Amino acid sequence: MSLLAKFILKILGWKVINELPATQKYVLIAAPHTSNWDFPLGLTVKFSQKIKLNYLGKGALFKSPFGWFFRALGGIPVYRKQKLNMVDQMVAEFKQREHMILAMSPEGTRSYLDYWKSGFYHIAHKAKVPIVMATLDFGNKLVKLGNAFMPSGDIQADMKIIRAYFENVKGKKPQNQGPIEIKPES
C-alpha cells in the first residue's frame, strides 16, 4: 500500500517532507482544511509514510453502509448534537493507549471561519502530549509533517508558533481559509 500511495503522490506532483517525531503519542494538526480533497490527500500521505493514526470525523460518516470503512482507517466519530466533552474523551483515550496519533483539522470545517477551534490545543495540553503540524499546501503541492512542540498552557503565545508554521500555505480553496487565530477566551 505504501508503494502505491507514493506512486500516486509522485504522479500527481506532490512532495512529502516527513519530520515526524519518534514519540508514540501526539496531536497532529493538518491545515488548511478547505476542501473534500483534503481527506483523500491525507489518507494517501498516511499510507505513503506508514503512519498509524486516528482522526476525528463527523458522525454521519460512520453510519451504514460505509461506517466500517472510516473506522478501519482509524476514524473516531464526533456527534456534534450530543453534549459530550470531546476534549476529556480524547484525553482519556491518550491515557489508555500506548500509541495514539490523533490527526485533527483545527478549523473543524471546510468552510471559512474567523477562528480556529481550540479543541486540538486543549486535548494536547491536558493529555500532556506534543502538538505536531502538517501542511496541506495545494499551492506548492507540498505536505510537510513536523515541528513538534509541547503546549505551554498560554494558547495565544503558542499560536505564534503555529501561525509561523502555516504562513503562506494555500489550501485547495484559498477563499475558505480564515485567519490562523484562536478566539480569545472571555
Protein backbone atom coordinates (compact mmCIF):
# COMPACT_ATOMS: atom_id res chain seq x y z
CA MET A 1 0.00 0.00 0.00
CA SER A 2 2.89 2.34 0.81
CA LEU A 3 4.44 1.98 -2.64
CA LEU A 4 1.10 2.58 -4.35
CA ALA A 5 0.48 5.70 -2.25
CA LYS A 6 3.99 7.02 -3.01
CA PHE A 7 3.40 6.37 -6.71
CA ILE A 8 0.07 8.25 -6.64
CA LEU A 9 1.66 11.24 -4.91
CA LYS A 10 4.51 11.26 -7.43
CA ILE A 11 2.18 11.06 -10.44
CA LEU A 12 0.11 13.94 -9.02
CA GLY A 13 3.26 16.00 -8.41
CA TRP A 14 3.07 16.07 -4.59
CA LYS A 15 6.10 16.08 -2.32
CA VAL A 16 6.09 14.96 1.33
CA ILE A 17 8.64 16.17 3.86
CA ASN A 18 8.37 13.87 6.86
CA GLU A 19 9.93 15.22 10.06
CA LEU A 20 7.54 13.48 12.45
CA PRO A 21 8.83 12.81 15.96
CA ALA A 22 9.59 9.28 17.12
CA THR A 23 7.21 9.67 20.08
CA GLN A 24 4.18 7.37 20.17
CA LYS A 25 1.59 9.97 21.25
CA TYR A 26 0.76 13.40 19.86
CA VAL A 27 -1.92 15.57 18.32
CA LEU A 28 -1.26 16.15 14.61
CA ILE A 29 -2.97 19.26 13.25
CA ALA A 30 -3.37 19.36 9.48
CA ALA A 31 -4.25 22.66 7.83
CA PRO A 32 -5.63 24.40 5.97
CA HIS A 33 -8.78 22.32 5.63
CA THR A 34 -10.68 23.91 2.75
CA SER A 35 -11.91 21.06 0.54
CA ASN A 36 -13.19 17.49 0.42
CA TRP A 37 -9.90 16.68 -1.35
CA ASP A 38 -8.00 17.15 1.93
CA PHE A 39 -9.17 13.76 3.24
CA PRO A 40 -8.00 11.62 0.28
CA LEU A 41 -4.73 13.56 0.22
CA GLY A 42 -4.27 12.92 3.94
CA LEU A 43 -5.02 9.22 3.54
CA THR A 44 -2.55 8.92 0.67
CA VAL A 45 0.14 10.60 2.79
CA LYS A 46 -0.76 8.36 5.77
CA PHE A 47 -0.21 5.24 3.68
CA SER A 48 2.86 6.55 1.85
CA GLN A 49 4.59 7.35 5.16
CA LYS A 50 3.22 4.30 7.04
CA ILE A 51 1.71 6.46 9.78
CA LYS A 52 -0.71 4.74 12.14
CA LEU A 53 -3.11 7.47 13.16
CA ASN A 54 -6.61 8.20 14.30
CA TYR A 55 -8.74 11.10 13.19
CA LEU A 56 -12.00 12.72 14.19
CA GLY A 57 -14.82 12.82 11.66
CA LYS A 58 -18.42 13.90 11.70
CA GLY A 59 -20.72 11.19 12.96
CA ALA A 60 -22.63 10.88 9.68
CA LEU A 61 -19.54 9.34 8.04
CA PHE A 62 -19.68 6.40 10.42
CA LYS A 63 -23.21 5.29 9.61
CA SER A 64 -24.09 2.39 7.33
CA PRO A 65 -23.06 1.42 4.69
CA PHE A 66 -19.53 2.92 4.92
CA GLY A 67 -19.05 3.42 8.65
CA TRP A 68 -16.86 0.29 8.90
CA PHE A 69 -14.53 1.75 6.27
CA PHE A 70 -13.93 5.02 8.12
CA ARG A 71 -13.41 3.17 11.41
CA ALA A 72 -10.92 0.80 9.74
CA LEU A 73 -8.96 3.88 8.64
CA GLY A 74 -8.69 4.99 12.28
CA GLY A 75 -11.74 7.22 12.42
CA ILE A 76 -13.38 8.28 15.67
CA PRO A 77 -16.90 9.69 15.21
CA VAL A 78 -17.88 13.10 16.57
CA TYR A 79 -21.58 13.62 17.24
CA ARG A 80 -21.93 17.38 17.47
CA LYS A 81 -25.55 17.39 18.65
CA GLN A 82 -24.70 15.33 21.73
CA LYS A 83 -23.42 17.26 24.71
CA LEU A 84 -20.25 15.23 25.15
CA ASN A 85 -16.96 16.69 26.29
CA MET A 86 -14.77 15.68 23.35
CA VAL A 87 -11.61 17.08 24.96
CA ASP A 88 -11.96 14.89 28.05
CA GLN A 89 -12.88 11.85 25.93
CA MET A 90 -9.74 12.24 23.81
CA VAL A 91 -7.54 12.85 26.89
CA ALA A 92 -8.88 9.57 28.31
CA GLU A 93 -8.05 7.81 25.01
CA PHE A 94 -4.47 9.12 25.16
CA LYS A 95 -4.12 7.82 28.73
CA GLN A 96 -5.49 4.37 27.84
CA ARG A 97 -3.40 3.75 24.73
CA GLU A 98 0.30 3.08 24.30
CA HIS A 99 0.22 4.59 20.80
CA MET A 100 -2.06 7.37 19.61
CA ILE A 101 -1.51 9.93 16.92
CA LEU A 102 -4.69 11.99 16.72
CA ALA A 103 -4.96 13.88 13.43
CA MET A 104 -7.28 16.87 13.56
CA SER A 105 -8.32 19.79 11.43
CA PRO A 106 -8.07 22.83 13.71
CA GLU A 107 -10.73 24.60 11.65
CA GLY A 108 -13.19 21.75 12.20
CA THR A 109 -14.84 22.51 8.85
CA ARG A 110 -14.04 23.16 5.20
CA SER A 111 -15.86 26.50 5.32
CA TYR A 112 -14.41 29.91 6.14
CA LEU A 113 -14.15 30.68 9.87
CA ASP A 114 -12.85 33.74 11.69
CA TYR A 115 -11.28 31.49 14.35
CA TRP A 116 -9.85 28.01 14.62
CA LYS A 117 -11.47 25.68 17.12
CA SER A 118 -9.31 25.29 20.23
CA GLY A 119 -10.10 21.61 20.98
CA PHE A 120 -6.84 20.33 19.47
CA TYR A 121 -4.89 22.58 21.81
CA HIS A 122 -6.81 21.65 24.95
CA ILE A 123 -6.57 17.92 24.14
CA ALA A 124 -2.77 18.11 23.75
CA HIS A 125 -2.31 20.29 26.83
CA LYS A 126 -4.50 18.15 29.11
CA ALA A 127 -3.09 14.87 27.76
CA LYS A 128 0.46 16.24 28.13
CA VAL A 129 1.35 15.31 24.54
CA PRO A 130 3.04 17.42 21.85
CA ILE A 131 1.30 19.21 19.03
CA VAL A 132 2.76 18.32 15.63
CA MET A 133 1.86 20.25 12.50
CA ALA A 134 1.14 19.15 8.92
CA THR A 135 0.66 21.46 5.96
CA LEU A 136 -1.74 20.69 3.13
CA ASP A 137 -0.18 23.18 0.70
CA PHE A 138 -2.00 22.89 -2.61
CA GLY A 139 -0.19 25.99 -3.92
CA ASN A 140 3.17 24.20 -3.80
CA LYS A 141 1.87 20.59 -3.80
CA LEU A 142 3.70 20.04 -0.54
CA VAL A 143 2.77 18.16 2.61
CA LYS A 144 5.18 18.98 5.41
CA LEU A 145 4.96 16.92 8.60
CA GLY A 146 6.81 18.00 11.72
CA ASN A 147 7.72 20.75 14.13
CA ALA A 148 6.57 19.22 17.40
CA PHE A 149 6.19 21.35 20.50
CA MET A 150 4.66 20.93 23.93
CA PRO A 151 1.77 23.31 24.56
CA SER A 152 2.70 25.69 27.36
CA GLY A 153 -0.81 26.49 28.53
CA ASP A 154 -0.54 30.00 27.07
CA ILE A 155 -2.64 29.40 23.98
CA GLN A 156 -2.10 32.86 22.47
CA ALA A 157 1.71 32.56 22.77
CA ASP A 158 1.69 29.04 21.33
CA MET A 159 -0.45 30.21 18.42
CA LYS A 160 2.53 32.31 17.29
CA ILE A 161 4.48 29.07 16.71
CA ILE A 162 1.55 27.56 14.83
CA ARG A 163 0.90 30.72 12.78
CA ALA A 164 4.57 30.82 11.67
CA TYR A 165 4.45 27.19 10.52
CA PHE A 166 1.36 27.67 8.36
CA GLU A 167 2.35 31.08 6.98
CA ASN A 168 1.99 31.20 3.17
CA VAL A 169 0.36 27.74 2.99
CA LYS A 170 -2.51 27.69 0.48
CA GLY A 171 -5.42 25.28 0.72
CA LYS A 172 -7.26 23.80 -2.26
CA LYS A 173 -9.87 26.57 -1.92
CA PRO A 174 -7.97 29.58 -0.52
CA GLN A 175 -11.19 31.59 -0.25
CA ASN A 176 -12.22 29.19 2.55
CA GLN A 177 -9.09 29.91 4.61
CA GLY A 178 -9.65 32.07 7.63
CA PRO A 179 -7.01 33.63 9.84
CA ILE A 180 -4.88 31.33 11.99
CA GLU A 181 -6.33 32.56 15.26
CA ILE A 182 -7.97 31.13 18.33
CA LYS A 183 -10.90 33.06 19.70
CA PRO A 184 -9.79 34.92 22.83
CA GLU A 185 -11.42 33.36 25.87
CA SER A 186 -13.88 35.62 27.61
